[in-house]
Amino acid sequence: MAAIKTYEQIILDVLQAEKIERSADQVQDLVLADKESRHYQLLRTGWETKEYFINKIIFHFHISDNGKIWLLANNTDIQITDELIKRGVPISDIVLGFHPEKYRAVLGFAVA
């Protein structure tokens, strides 16, 4: 359970670091954390223009019961897994959940 709490804090720190602070416009980046089910997201939402509303998941992580970090969404060109690794998460504890299982091992990350 200690690893899960550590990973939770690492994920929240990474999401906060990726959050874009805006002053004048109406678009906001929000870090959402469901600590009970261990899901964490960076969400971008708001009126980009008077005619265009956005509501988009930027990143979505889940920590499974076995302590693996599942990256379920990365809608950027940022290698967010590099940030996890820099903060001490071993590559063997990171699952690229948006790739089919047969490709995960080839990519060098955990399969499940």
PDB file of N, CA and C in Angstrom:
ATOM      1  N   MET A   1       0.819  -1.209   0.000  1.00  0.00           N
ATOM      2  CA  MET A   1       0.000   0.000   0.000  1.00  0.00           C
ATOM      3  C   MET A   1       0.860   1.269   0.000  1.00  0.00           C
ATOM      4  N   ALA A   2       2.066   1.170   0.553  1.00  0.00           N
ATOM      5  CA  ALA A   2       2.952   2.336   0.580  1.00  0.00           C
ATOM      6  C   ALA A   2       3.340   2.746  -0.832  1.00  0.00           C
ATOM      7  N   ALA A   3       3.579   1.753  -1.701  1.00  0.00           N
ATOM      8  CA  ALA A   3       3.929   2.067  -3.095  1.00  0.00           C
ATOM      9  C   ALA A   3       2.772   2.765  -3.791  1.00  0.00           C
ATOM     10  N   ILE A   4       1.568   2.337  -3.514  1.00  0.00           N
ATOM     11  CA  ILE A   4       0.402   2.964  -4.142  1.00  0.00           C
ATOM     12  C   ILE A   4       0.301   4.428  -3.725  1.00  0.00           C
ATOM     13  N   LYS A   5       0.493   4.712  -2.455  1.00  0.00           N
ATOM     14  CA  LYS A   5       0.439   6.105  -1.979  1.00  0.00           C
ATOM     15  C   LYS A   5       1.562   6.934  -2.597  1.00  0.00           C
ATOM     16  N   THR A   6       2.750   6.339  -2.706  1.00  0.00           N
ATOM     17  CA  THR A   6       3.876   7.039  -3.338  1.00  0.00           C
ATOM     18  C   THR A   6       3.571   7.324  -4.797  1.00  0.00           C
ATOM     19  N   TYR A   7       3.056   6.327  -5.507  1.00  0.00           N
ATOM     20  CA  TYR A   7       2.727   6.500  -6.924  1.00  0.00           C
ATOM     21  C   TYR A   7       1.612   7.528  -7.103  1.00  0.00           C
ATOM     22  N   GLU A   8       0.654   7.515  -6.194  1.00  0.00           N
ATOM     23  CA  GLU A   8      -0.431   8.500  -6.263  1.00  0.00           C
ATOM     24  C   GLU A   8       0.135   9.917  -6.189  1.00  0.00           C
ATOM     25  N   GLN A   9       1.060  10.151  -5.270  1.00  0.00           N
ATOM     26  CA  GLN A   9       1.639  11.485  -5.123  1.00  0.00           C
ATOM     27  C   GLN A   9       2.470  11.866  -6.341  1.00  0.00           C
ATOM     28  N   ILE A  10       3.209  10.898  -6.882  1.00  0.00           N
ATOM     29  CA  ILE A  10       3.994  11.166  -8.091  1.00  0.00           C
ATOM     30  C   ILE A  10       3.077  11.558  -9.241  1.00  0.00           C
ATOM     31  N   ILE A  11       2.006  10.817  -9.443  1.00  0.00           N
ATOM     32  CA  ILE A  11       1.061  11.126 -10.523  1.00  0.00           C
ATOM     33  C   ILE A  11       0.466  12.514 -10.322  1.00  0.00           C
ATOM     34  N   LEU A  12       0.030  12.825  -9.121  1.00  0.00           N
ATOM     35  CA  LEU A  12      -0.563  14.142  -8.864  1.00  0.00           C
ATOM     36  C   LEU A  12       0.446  15.259  -9.098  1.00  0.00           C
ATOM     37  N   ASP A  13       1.691  15.043  -8.711  1.00  0.00           N
ATOM     38  CA  ASP A  13       2.736  16.045  -8.954  1.00  0.00           C
ATOM     39  C   ASP A  13       2.973  16.239 -10.449  1.00  0.00           C
ATOM     40  N   VAL A  14       3.006  15.141 -11.203  1.00  0.00           N
ATOM     41  CA  VAL A  14       3.207  15.225 -12.657  1.00  0.00           C
ATOM     42  C   VAL A  14       2.042  15.968 -13.308  1.00  0.00           C
ATOM     43  N   LEU A  15       0.816  15.633 -12.915  1.00  0.00           N
ATOM     44  CA  LEU A  15      -0.352  16.300 -13.500  1.00  0.00           C
ATOM     45  C   LEU A  15      -0.357  17.792 -13.167  1.00  0.00           C
ATOM     46  N   GLN A  16      -0.003  18.139 -11.952  1.00  0.00           N
ATOM     47  CA  GLN A  16       0.070  19.558 -11.579  1.00  0.00           C
ATOM     48  C   GLN A  16       1.125  20.283 -12.409  1.00  0.00           C
ATOM     49  N   ALA A  17       2.248  19.619 -12.658  1.00  0.00           N
ATOM     50  CA  ALA A  17       3.315  20.230 -13.445  1.00  0.00           C
ATOM     51  C   ALA A  17       2.904  20.439 -14.900  1.00  0.00           C
ATOM     52  N   GLU A  18       2.038  19.584 -15.417  1.00  0.00           N
ATOM     53  CA  GLU A  18       1.583  19.696 -16.809  1.00  0.00           C
ATOM     54  C   GLU A  18       0.391  20.646 -16.968  1.00  0.00           C
ATOM     55  N   LYS A  19      -0.201  21.023 -15.880  1.00  0.00           N
ATOM     56  CA  LYS A  19      -1.354  21.921 -15.890  1.00  0.00           C
ATOM     57  C   LYS A  19      -0.924  23.299 -16.378  1.00  0.00           C
ATOM     58  N   ILE A  20      -1.682  23.849 -17.305  1.00  0.00           N
ATOM     59  CA  ILE A  20      -1.395  25.190 -17.822  1.00  0.00           C
ATOM     60  C   ILE A  20      -2.253  26.189 -17.058  1.00  0.00           C
ATOM     61  N   GLU A  21      -1.589  27.150 -16.440  1.00  0.00           N
ATOM     62  CA  GLU A  21      -2.304  28.209 -15.724  1.00  0.00           C
ATOM     63  C   GLU A  21      -2.628  29.321 -16.715  1.00  0.00           C
ATOM     64  N   ARG A  22      -3.868  29.711 -16.771  1.00  0.00           N
ATOM     65  CA  ARG A  22      -4.307  30.781 -17.662  1.00  0.00           C
ATOM     66  C   ARG A  22      -4.928  31.876 -16.804  1.00  0.00           C
ATOM     67  N   SER A  23      -4.805  33.094 -17.266  1.00  0.00           N
ATOM     68  CA  SER A  23      -5.358  34.187 -16.469  1.00  0.00           C
ATOM     69  C   SER A  23      -6.638  34.766 -17.068  1.00  0.00           C
ATOM     70  N   ALA A  24      -6.610  35.126 -18.326  1.00  0.00           N
ATOM     71  CA  ALA A  24      -7.713  35.903 -18.879  1.00  0.00           C
ATOM     72  C   ALA A  24      -8.787  35.072 -19.580  1.00  0.00           C
ATOM     73  N   ASP A  25      -8.403  33.933 -20.150  1.00  0.00           N
ATOM     74  CA  ASP A  25      -9.412  33.209 -20.913  1.00  0.00           C
ATOM     75  C   ASP A  25     -10.265  32.312 -20.022  1.00  0.00           C
ATOM     76  N   GLN A  26     -11.219  31.676 -20.622  1.00  0.00           N
ATOM     77  CA  GLN A  26     -12.182  30.900 -19.855  1.00  0.00           C
ATOM     78  C   GLN A  26     -11.910  29.402 -19.886  1.00  0.00           C
ATOM     79  N   VAL A  27     -10.814  28.982 -20.491  1.00  0.00           N
ATOM     80  CA  VAL A  27     -10.435  27.571 -20.500  1.00  0.00           C
ATOM     81  C   VAL A  27      -9.615  27.286 -19.252  1.00  0.00           C
ATOM     82  N   GLN A  28      -9.917  26.169 -18.606  1.00  0.00           N
ATOM     83  CA  GLN A  28      -9.193  25.789 -17.389  1.00  0.00           C
ATOM     84  C   GLN A  28      -8.634  24.387 -17.535  1.00  0.00           C
ATOM     85  N   ASP A  29      -7.482  24.155 -16.947  1.00  0.00           N
ATOM     86  CA  ASP A  29      -6.954  22.816 -16.767  1.00  0.00           C
ATOM     87  C   ASP A  29      -7.250  22.413 -15.334  1.00  0.00           C
ATOM     88  N   LEU A  30      -7.834  21.247 -15.174  1.00  0.00           N
ATOM     89  CA  LEU A  30      -8.216  20.753 -13.855  1.00  0.00           C
ATOM     90  C   LEU A  30      -7.575  19.401 -13.600  1.00  0.00           C
ATOM     91  N   VAL A  31      -7.004  19.238 -12.420  1.00  0.00           N
ATOM     92  CA  VAL A  31      -6.509  17.935 -12.004  1.00  0.00           C
ATOM     93  C   VAL A  31      -7.624  17.283 -11.192  1.00  0.00           C
ATOM     94  N   LEU A  32      -8.052  16.120 -11.667  1.00  0.00           N
ATOM     95  CA  LEU A  32      -9.119  15.378 -10.999  1.00  0.00           C
ATOM     96  C   LEU A  32      -8.539  14.121 -10.388  1.00  0.00           C
ATOM     97  N   ALA A  33      -8.876  13.847  -9.137  1.00  0.00           N
ATOM     98  CA  ALA A  33      -8.342  12.671  -8.445  1.00  0.00           C
ATOM     99  C   ALA A  33      -9.469  11.939  -7.734  1.00  0.00           C
ATOM    100  N   ASP A  34      -9.708  10.720  -8.154  1.00  0.00           N
ATOM    101  CA  ASP A  34     -10.619   9.821  -7.452  1.00  0.00           C
ATOM    102  C   ASP A  34      -9.733   8.853  -6.678  1.00  0.00           C
ATOM    103  N   LYS A  35      -9.396   9.226  -5.471  1.00  0.00           N
ATOM    104  CA  LYS A  35      -8.433   8.459  -4.692  1.00  0.00           C
ATOM    105  C   LYS A  35      -8.987   7.107  -4.258  1.00  0.00           C
ATOM    106  N   GLU A  36     -10.292   7.002  -4.139  1.00  0.00           N
ATOM    107  CA  GLU A  36     -10.896   5.725  -3.737  1.00  0.00           C
ATOM    108  C   GLU A  36     -10.703   4.650  -4.802  1.00  0.00           C
ATOM    109  N   SER A  37     -10.957   4.998  -6.064  1.00  0.00           N
ATOM    110  CA  SER A  37     -10.771   4.020  -7.140  1.00  0.00           C
ATOM    111  C   SER A  37      -9.434   4.203  -7.854  1.00  0.00           C
ATOM    112  N   ARG A  38      -8.637   5.186  -7.417  1.00  0.00           N
ATOM    113  CA  ARG A  38      -7.280   5.447  -7.901  1.00  0.00           C
ATOM    114  C   ARG A  38      -7.231   5.803  -9.393  1.00  0.00           C
ATOM    115  N   HIS A  39      -8.091   6.724  -9.792  1.00  0.00           N
ATOM    116  CA  HIS A  39      -8.062   7.287 -11.144  1.00  0.00           C
ATOM    117  C   HIS A  39      -7.696   8.761 -11.037  1.00  0.00           C
ATOM    118  N   TYR A  40      -6.826   9.220 -11.961  1.00  0.00           N
ATOM    119  CA  TYR A  40      -6.296  10.580 -11.912  1.00  0.00           C
ATOM    120  C   TYR A  40      -6.265  11.129 -13.333  1.00  0.00           C
ATOM    121  N   GLN A  41      -6.780  12.346 -13.506  1.00  0.00           N
ATOM    122  CA  GLN A  41      -6.854  12.934 -14.844  1.00  0.00           C
ATOM    123  C   GLN A  41      -6.441  14.399 -14.834  1.00  0.00           C
ATOM    124  N   LEU A  42      -5.931  14.821 -15.980  1.00  0.00           N
ATOM    125  CA  LEU A  42      -5.804  16.244 -16.276  1.00  0.00           C
ATOM    126  C   LEU A  42      -6.843  16.515 -17.348  1.00  0.00           C
ATOM    127  N   LEU A  43      -7.759  17.405 -17.053  1.00  0.00           N
ATOM    128  CA  LEU A  43      -8.881  17.723 -17.927  1.00  0.00           C
ATOM    129  C   LEU A  43      -8.780  19.183 -18.358  1.00  0.00           C
ATOM    130  N   ARG A  44      -9.031  19.437 -19.616  1.00  0.00           N
ATOM    131  CA  ARG A  44      -9.086  20.810 -20.139  1.00  0.00           C
ATOM    132  C   ARG A  44     -10.531  21.090 -20.509  1.00  0.00           C
ATOM    133  N   THR A  45     -11.090  22.162 -19.949  1.00  0.00           N
ATOM    134  CA  THR A  45     -12.502  22.446 -20.170  1.00  0.00           C
ATOM    135  C   THR A  45     -12.765  23.952 -20.186  1.00  0.00           C
ATOM    136  N   GLY A  46     -13.747  24.351 -20.950  1.00  0.00           N
ATOM    137  CA  GLY A  46     -14.158  25.747 -20.982  1.00  0.00           C
ATOM    138  C   GLY A  46     -14.417  26.236 -22.399  1.00  0.00           C
ATOM    139  N   TRP A  47     -14.801  27.495 -22.474  1.00  0.00           N
ATOM    140  CA  TRP A  47     -15.094  28.127 -23.753  1.00  0.00           C
ATOM    141  C   TRP A  47     -13.804  28.684 -24.344  1.00  0.00           C
ATOM    142  N   GLU A  48     -13.342  28.054 -25.424  1.00  0.00           N
ATOM    143  CA  GLU A  48     -12.134  28.523 -26.098  1.00  0.00           C
ATOM    144  C   GLU A  48     -12.436  29.798 -26.884  1.00  0.00           C
ATOM    145  N   THR A  49     -13.608  29.827 -27.493  1.00  0.00           N
ATOM    146  CA  THR A  49     -14.137  31.027 -28.143  1.00  0.00           C
ATOM    147  C   THR A  49     -15.605  31.119 -27.756  1.00  0.00           C
ATOM    148  N   LYS A  50     -16.272  32.149 -28.183  1.00  0.00           N
ATOM    149  CA  LYS A  50     -17.699  32.272 -27.878  1.00  0.00           C
ATOM    150  C   LYS A  50     -18.523  31.166 -28.528  1.00  0.00           C
ATOM    151  N   GLU A  51     -17.936  30.521 -29.526  1.00  0.00           N
ATOM    152  CA  GLU A  51     -18.657  29.506 -30.279  1.00  0.00           C
ATOM    153  C   GLU A  51     -18.151  28.080 -30.036  1.00  0.00           C
ATOM    154  N   TYR A  52     -17.022  27.922 -29.337  1.00  0.00           N
ATOM    155  CA  TYR A  52     -16.377  26.613 -29.254  1.00  0.00           C
ATOM    156  C   TYR A  52     -16.057  26.236 -27.808  1.00  0.00           C
ATOM    157  N   PHE A  53     -16.774  25.224 -27.293  1.00  0.00           N
ATOM    158  CA  PHE A  53     -16.562  24.704 -25.944  1.00  0.00           C
ATOM    159  C   PHE A  53     -15.722  23.432 -26.031  1.00  0.00           C
ATOM    160  N   ILE A  54     -14.705  23.333 -25.172  1.00  0.00           N
ATOM    161  CA  ILE A  54     -13.904  22.114 -25.133  1.00  0.00           C
ATOM    162  C   ILE A  54     -14.045  21.431 -23.778  1.00  0.00           C
ATOM    163  N   ASN A  55     -13.971  20.134 -23.812  1.00  0.00           N
ATOM    164  CA  ASN A  55     -13.979  19.308 -22.607  1.00  0.00           C
ATOM    165  C   ASN A  55     -13.196  18.048 -22.967  1.00  0.00           C
ATOM    166  N   LYS A  56     -11.903  18.053 -22.647  1.00  0.00           N
ATOM    167  CA  LYS A  56     -11.006  17.037 -23.166  1.00  0.00           C
ATOM    168  C   LYS A  56     -10.118  16.478 -22.066  1.00  0.00           C
ATOM    169  N   ILE A  57      -9.992  15.163 -22.039  1.00  0.00           N
ATOM    170  CA  ILE A  57      -9.036  14.514 -21.146  1.00  0.00           C
ATOM    171  C   ILE A  57      -7.658  14.631 -21.782  1.00  0.00           C
ATOM    172  N   ILE A  58      -6.723  15.218 -21.058  1.00  0.00           N
ATOM    173  CA  ILE A  58      -5.353  15.348 -21.528  1.00  0.00           C
ATOM    174  C   ILE A  58      -4.566  14.086 -21.138  1.00  0.00           C
ATOM    175  N   PHE A  59      -4.599  13.737 -19.855  1.00  0.00           N
ATOM    176  CA  PHE A  59      -3.964  12.518 -19.349  1.00  0.00           C
ATOM    177  C   PHE A  59      -4.933  11.797 -18.426  1.00  0.00           C
ATOM    178  N   HIS A  60      -4.865  10.464 -18.430  1.00  0.00           N
ATOM    179  CA  HIS A  60      -5.660   9.653 -17.511  1.00  0.00           C
ATOM    180  C   HIS A  60      -4.781   8.506 -17.021  1.00  0.00           C
ATOM    181  N   PHE A  61      -4.608   8.436 -15.711  1.00  0.00           N
ATOM    182  CA  PHE A  61      -3.845   7.373 -15.066  1.00  0.00           C
ATOM    183  C   PHE A  61      -4.761   6.585 -14.134  1.00  0.00           C
ATOM    184  N   HIS A  62      -4.406   5.327 -13.929  1.00  0.00           N
ATOM    185  CA  HIS A  62      -5.068   4.484 -12.933  1.00  0.00           C
ATOM    186  C   HIS A  62      -3.990   3.657 -12.247  1.00  0.00           C
ATOM    187  N   ILE A  63      -4.074   3.518 -10.931  1.00  0.00           N
ATOM    188  CA  ILE A  63      -3.184   2.626 -10.195  1.00  0.00           C
ATOM    189  C   ILE A  63      -3.992   1.372  -9.860  1.00  0.00           C
ATOM    190  N   SER A  64      -3.549   0.239 -10.396  1.00  0.00           N
ATOM    191  CA  SER A  64      -4.267  -1.021 -10.186  1.00  0.00           C
ATOM    192  C   SER A  64      -3.982  -1.573  -8.787  1.00  0.00           C
ATOM    193  N   ASP A  65      -4.745  -2.594  -8.423  1.00  0.00           N
ATOM    194  CA  ASP A  65      -4.578  -3.214  -7.103  1.00  0.00           C
ATOM    195  C   ASP A  65      -3.188  -3.814  -6.910  1.00  0.00           C
ATOM    196  N   ASN A  66      -2.539  -4.206  -8.016  1.00  0.00           N
ATOM    197  CA  ASN A  66      -1.199  -4.776  -7.900  1.00  0.00           C
ATOM    198  C   ASN A  66      -0.111  -3.702  -7.897  1.00  0.00           C
ATOM    199  N   GLY A  67      -0.511  -2.427  -7.884  1.00  0.00           N
ATOM    200  CA  GLY A  67       0.443  -1.325  -7.772  1.00  0.00           C
ATOM    201  C   GLY A  67       1.019  -0.825  -9.077  1.00  0.00           C
ATOM    202  N   LYS A  68       0.545  -1.334 -10.197  1.00  0.00           N
ATOM    203  CA  LYS A  68       1.024  -0.856 -11.498  1.00  0.00           C
ATOM    204  C   LYS A  68       0.295   0.436 -11.869  1.00  0.00           C
ATOM    205  N   ILE A  69       1.028   1.345 -12.498  1.00  0.00           N
ATOM    206  CA  ILE A  69       0.436   2.580 -13.008  1.00  0.00           C
ATOM    207  C   ILE A  69       0.030   2.333 -14.458  1.00  0.00           C
ATOM    208  N   TRP A  70      -1.252   2.467 -14.718  1.00  0.00           N
ATOM    209  CA  TRP A  70      -1.787   2.332 -16.074  1.00  0.00           C
ATOM    210  C   TRP A  70      -1.974   3.726 -16.656  1.00  0.00           C
ATOM    211  N   LEU A  71      -1.300   3.989 -17.767  1.00  0.00           N
ATOM    212  CA  LEU A  71      -1.543   5.214 -18.526  1.00  0.00           C
ATOM    213  C   LEU A  71      -2.654   4.878 -19.517  1.00  0.00           C
ATOM    214  N   LEU A  72      -3.843   5.430 -19.284  1.00  0.00           N
ATOM    215  CA  LEU A  72      -5.012   5.099 -20.094  1.00  0.00           C
ATOM    216  C   LEU A  72      -5.263   6.103 -21.213  1.00  0.00           C
ATOM    217  N   ALA A  73      -4.736   7.320 -21.068  1.00  0.00           N
ATOM    218  CA  ALA A  73      -4.888   8.325 -22.121  1.00  0.00           C
ATOM    219  C   ALA A  73      -3.725   9.303 -22.049  1.00  0.00           C
ATOM    220  N   ASN A  74      -3.190   9.605 -23.221  1.00  0.00           N
ATOM    221  CA  ASN A  74      -2.205  10.663 -23.375  1.00  0.00           C
ATOM    222  C   ASN A  74      -2.536  11.343 -24.692  1.00  0.00           C
ATOM    223  N   ASN A  75      -3.246  12.430 -24.621  1.00  0.00           N
ATOM    224  CA  ASN A  75      -3.690  13.150 -25.816  1.00  0.00           C
ATOM    225  C   ASN A  75      -2.778  14.328 -26.116  1.00  0.00           C
ATOM    226  N   THR A  76      -1.463  14.078 -25.979  1.00  0.00           N
ATOM    227  CA  THR A  76      -0.437  15.077 -26.269  1.00  0.00           C
ATOM    228  C   THR A  76       0.715  14.377 -26.975  1.00  0.00           C
ATOM    229  N   ASP A  77       1.726  15.136 -27.321  1.00  0.00           N
ATOM    230  CA  ASP A  77       2.956  14.534 -27.833  1.00  0.00           C
ATOM    231  C   ASP A  77       4.021  14.461 -26.740  1.00  0.00           C
ATOM    232  N   ILE A  78       3.643  14.729 -25.504  1.00  0.00           N
ATOM    233  CA  ILE A  78       4.544  14.669 -24.350  1.00  0.00           C
ATOM    234  C   ILE A  78       4.747  13.213 -23.945  1.00  0.00           C
ATOM    235  N   GLN A  79       5.996  12.819 -23.740  1.00  0.00           N
ATOM    236  CA  GLN A  79       6.303  11.480 -23.242  1.00  0.00           C
ATOM    237  C   GLN A  79       6.149  11.496 -21.717  1.00  0.00           C
ATOM    238  N   ILE A  80       4.925  11.437 -21.248  1.00  0.00           N
ATOM    239  CA  ILE A  80       4.622  11.584 -19.826  1.00  0.00           C
ATOM    240  C   ILE A  80       5.240  10.455 -19.000  1.00  0.00           C
ATOM    241  N   THR A  81       5.460   9.304 -19.618  1.00  0.00           N
ATOM    242  CA  THR A  81       6.102   8.201 -18.894  1.00  0.00           C
ATOM    243  C   THR A  81       7.523   8.562 -18.487  1.00  0.00           C
ATOM    244  N   ASP A  82       8.186   9.398 -19.276  1.00  0.00           N
ATOM    245  CA  ASP A  82       9.535   9.854 -18.911  1.00  0.00           C
ATOM    246  C   ASP A  82       9.516  10.605 -17.583  1.00  0.00           C
ATOM    247  N   GLU A  83       8.453  11.364 -17.352  1.00  0.00           N
ATOM    248  CA  GLU A  83       8.329  12.107 -16.090  1.00  0.00           C
ATOM    249  C   GLU A  83       8.147  11.152 -14.915  1.00  0.00           C
ATOM    250  N   LEU A  84       7.388  10.079 -15.111  1.00  0.00           N
ATOM    251  CA  LEU A  84       7.218   9.090 -14.040  1.00  0.00           C
ATOM    252  C   LEU A  84       8.560   8.428 -13.718  1.00  0.00           C
ATOM    253  N   ILE A  85       9.287   8.059 -14.762  1.00  0.00           N
ATOM    254  CA  ILE A  85      10.580   7.393 -14.581  1.00  0.00           C
ATOM    255  C   ILE A  85      11.564   8.319 -13.868  1.00  0.00           C
ATOM    256  N   LYS A  86      11.589   9.596 -14.263  1.00  0.00           N
ATOM    257  CA  LYS A  86      12.476  10.571 -13.601  1.00  0.00           C
ATOM    258  C   LYS A  86      12.178  10.688 -12.110  1.00  0.00           C
ATOM    259  N   ARG A  87      10.937  10.445 -11.744  1.00  0.00           N
ATOM    260  CA  ARG A  87      10.528  10.572 -10.341  1.00  0.00           C
ATOM    261  C   ARG A  87      10.608   9.253  -9.582  1.00  0.00           C
ATOM    262  N   GLY A  88      11.219   8.249 -10.210  1.00  0.00           N
ATOM    263  CA  GLY A  88      11.507   7.020  -9.490  1.00  0.00           C
ATOM    264  C   GLY A  88      10.607   5.836  -9.764  1.00  0.00           C
ATOM    265  N   VAL A  89       9.675   5.941 -10.688  1.00  0.00           N
ATOM    266  CA  VAL A  89       8.810   4.804 -11.006  1.00  0.00           C
ATOM    267  C   VAL A  89       9.557   3.892 -11.978  1.00  0.00           C
ATOM    268  N   PRO A  90       9.749   2.615 -11.617  1.00  0.00           N
ATOM    269  CA  PRO A  90      10.422   1.714 -12.556  1.00  0.00           C
ATOM    270  C   PRO A  90       9.544   1.443 -13.777  1.00  0.00           C
ATOM    271  N   ILE A  91      10.188   1.272 -14.909  1.00  0.00           N
ATOM    272  CA  ILE A  91       9.469   1.023 -16.156  1.00  0.00           C
ATOM    273  C   ILE A  91       8.607  -0.242 -16.044  1.00  0.00           C
ATOM    274  N   SER A  92       9.017  -1.167 -15.197  1.00  0.00           N
ATOM    275  CA  SER A  92       8.265  -2.413 -14.996  1.00  0.00           C
ATOM    276  C   SER A  92       6.947  -2.192 -14.253  1.00  0.00           C
ATOM    277  N   ASP A  93       6.733  -0.986 -13.724  1.00  0.00           N
ATOM    278  CA  ASP A  93       5.481  -0.657 -13.029  1.00  0.00           C
ATOM    279  C   ASP A  93       4.588   0.272 -13.852  1.00  0.00           C
ATOM    280  N   ILE A  94       4.939   0.484 -15.119  1.00  0.00           N
ATOM    281  CA  ILE A  94       4.148   1.365 -15.987  1.00  0.00           C
ATOM    282  C   ILE A  94       3.549   0.536 -17.119  1.00  0.00           C
ATOM    283  N   VAL A  95       2.233   0.603 -17.260  1.00  0.00           N
ATOM    284  CA  VAL A  95       1.518  -0.110 -18.316  1.00  0.00           C
ATOM    285  C   VAL A  95       0.918   0.926 -19.263  1.00  0.00           C
ATOM    286  N   LEU A  96       1.202   0.784 -20.542  1.00  0.00           N
ATOM    287  CA  LEU A  96       0.585   1.657 -21.553  1.00  0.00           C
ATOM    288  C   LEU A  96      -0.761   1.043 -21.927  1.00  0.00           C
ATOM    289  N   GLY A  97      -1.766   1.377 -21.141  1.00  0.00           N
ATOM    290  CA  GLY A  97      -3.068   0.741 -21.248  1.00  0.00           C
ATOM    291  C   GLY A  97      -3.824   1.027 -22.525  1.00  0.00           C
ATOM    292  N   PHE A  98      -3.424   2.034 -23.269  1.00  0.00           N
ATOM    293  CA  PHE A  98      -4.127   2.361 -24.512  1.00  0.00           C
ATOM    294  C   PHE A  98      -3.581   1.572 -25.703  1.00  0.00           C
ATOM    295  N   HIS A  99      -2.550   0.735 -25.458  1.00  0.00           N
ATOM    296  CA  HIS A  99      -2.033  -0.165 -26.495  1.00  0.00           C
ATOM    297  C   HIS A  99      -2.541  -1.576 -26.218  1.00  0.00           C
ATOM    298  N   PRO A 100      -2.819  -2.362 -27.264  1.00  0.00           N
ATOM    299  CA  PRO A 100      -3.199  -3.762 -27.048  1.00  0.00           C
ATOM    300  C   PRO A 100      -2.092  -4.520 -26.320  1.00  0.00           C
ATOM    301  N   GLU A 101      -2.481  -5.491 -25.534  1.00  0.00           N
ATOM    302  CA  GLU A 101      -1.529  -6.238 -24.705  1.00  0.00           C
ATOM    303  C   GLU A 101      -0.383  -6.824 -25.523  1.00  0.00           C
ATOM    304  N   LYS A 102      -0.654  -7.295 -26.728  1.00  0.00           N
ATOM    305  CA  LYS A 102       0.397  -7.942 -27.530  1.00  0.00           C
ATOM    306  C   LYS A 102       1.527  -6.980 -27.913  1.00  0.00           C
ATOM    307  N   TYR A 103       1.284  -5.656 -27.860  1.00  0.00           N
ATOM    308  CA  TYR A 103       2.309  -4.671 -28.220  1.00  0.00           C
ATOM    309  C   TYR A 103       3.059  -4.107 -27.014  1.00  0.00           C
ATOM    310  N   ARG A 104       2.502  -4.273 -25.819  1.00  0.00           N
ATOM    311  CA  ARG A 104       3.088  -3.630 -24.637  1.00  0.00           C
ATOM    312  C   ARG A 104       4.512  -4.099 -24.341  1.00  0.00           C
ATOM    313  N   ALA A 105       4.751  -5.394 -24.403  1.00  0.00           N
ATOM    314  CA  ALA A 105       6.086  -5.914 -24.102  1.00  0.00           C
ATOM    315  C   ALA A 105       7.108  -5.425 -25.116  1.00  0.00           C
ATOM    316  N   VAL A 106       6.704  -5.297 -26.362  1.00  0.00           N
ATOM    317  CA  VAL A 106       7.592  -4.821 -27.418  1.00  0.00           C
ATOM    318  C   VAL A 106       8.028  -3.388 -27.145  1.00  0.00           C
ATOM    319  N   LEU A 107       7.161  -2.614 -26.509  1.00  0.00           N
ATOM    320  CA  LEU A 107       7.451  -1.209 -26.217  1.00  0.00           C
ATOM    321  C   LEU A 107       8.349  -1.040 -24.985  1.00  0.00           C
ATOM    322  N   GLY A 108       8.606  -2.129 -24.251  1.00  0.00           N
ATOM    323  CA  GLY A 108       9.523  -2.066 -23.130  1.00  0.00           C
ATOM    324  C   GLY A 108       8.874  -1.759 -21.791  1.00  0.00           C
ATOM    325  N   PHE A 109       7.563  -1.576 -21.784  1.00  0.00           N
ATOM    326  CA  PHE A 109       6.857  -1.296 -20.540  1.00  0.00           C
ATOM    327  C   PHE A 109       6.210  -2.574 -20.023  1.00  0.00           C
ATOM    328  N   ALA A 110       5.591  -2.499 -18.845  1.00  0.00           N
ATOM    329  CA  ALA A 110       4.910  -3.653 -18.280  1.00  0.00           C
ATOM    330  C   ALA A 110       3.748  -4.063 -19.179  1.00  0.00           C
ATOM    331  N   VAL A 111       3.457  -5.367 -19.184  1.00  0.00           N
ATOM    332  CA  VAL A 111       2.348  -5.872 -19.994  1.00  0.00           C
ATOM    333  C   VAL A 111       1.040  -5.671 -19.256  1.00  0.00           C
ATOM    334  N   ALA A 112       1.012  -5.968 -17.969  1.00  0.00           N
ATOM    335  CA  ALA A 112      -0.187  -5.769 -17.148  1.00  0.00           C
ATOM    336  C   ALA A 112       0.174  -5.783 -15.675  1.00  0.00           C
TER     337      ALA A 112
END
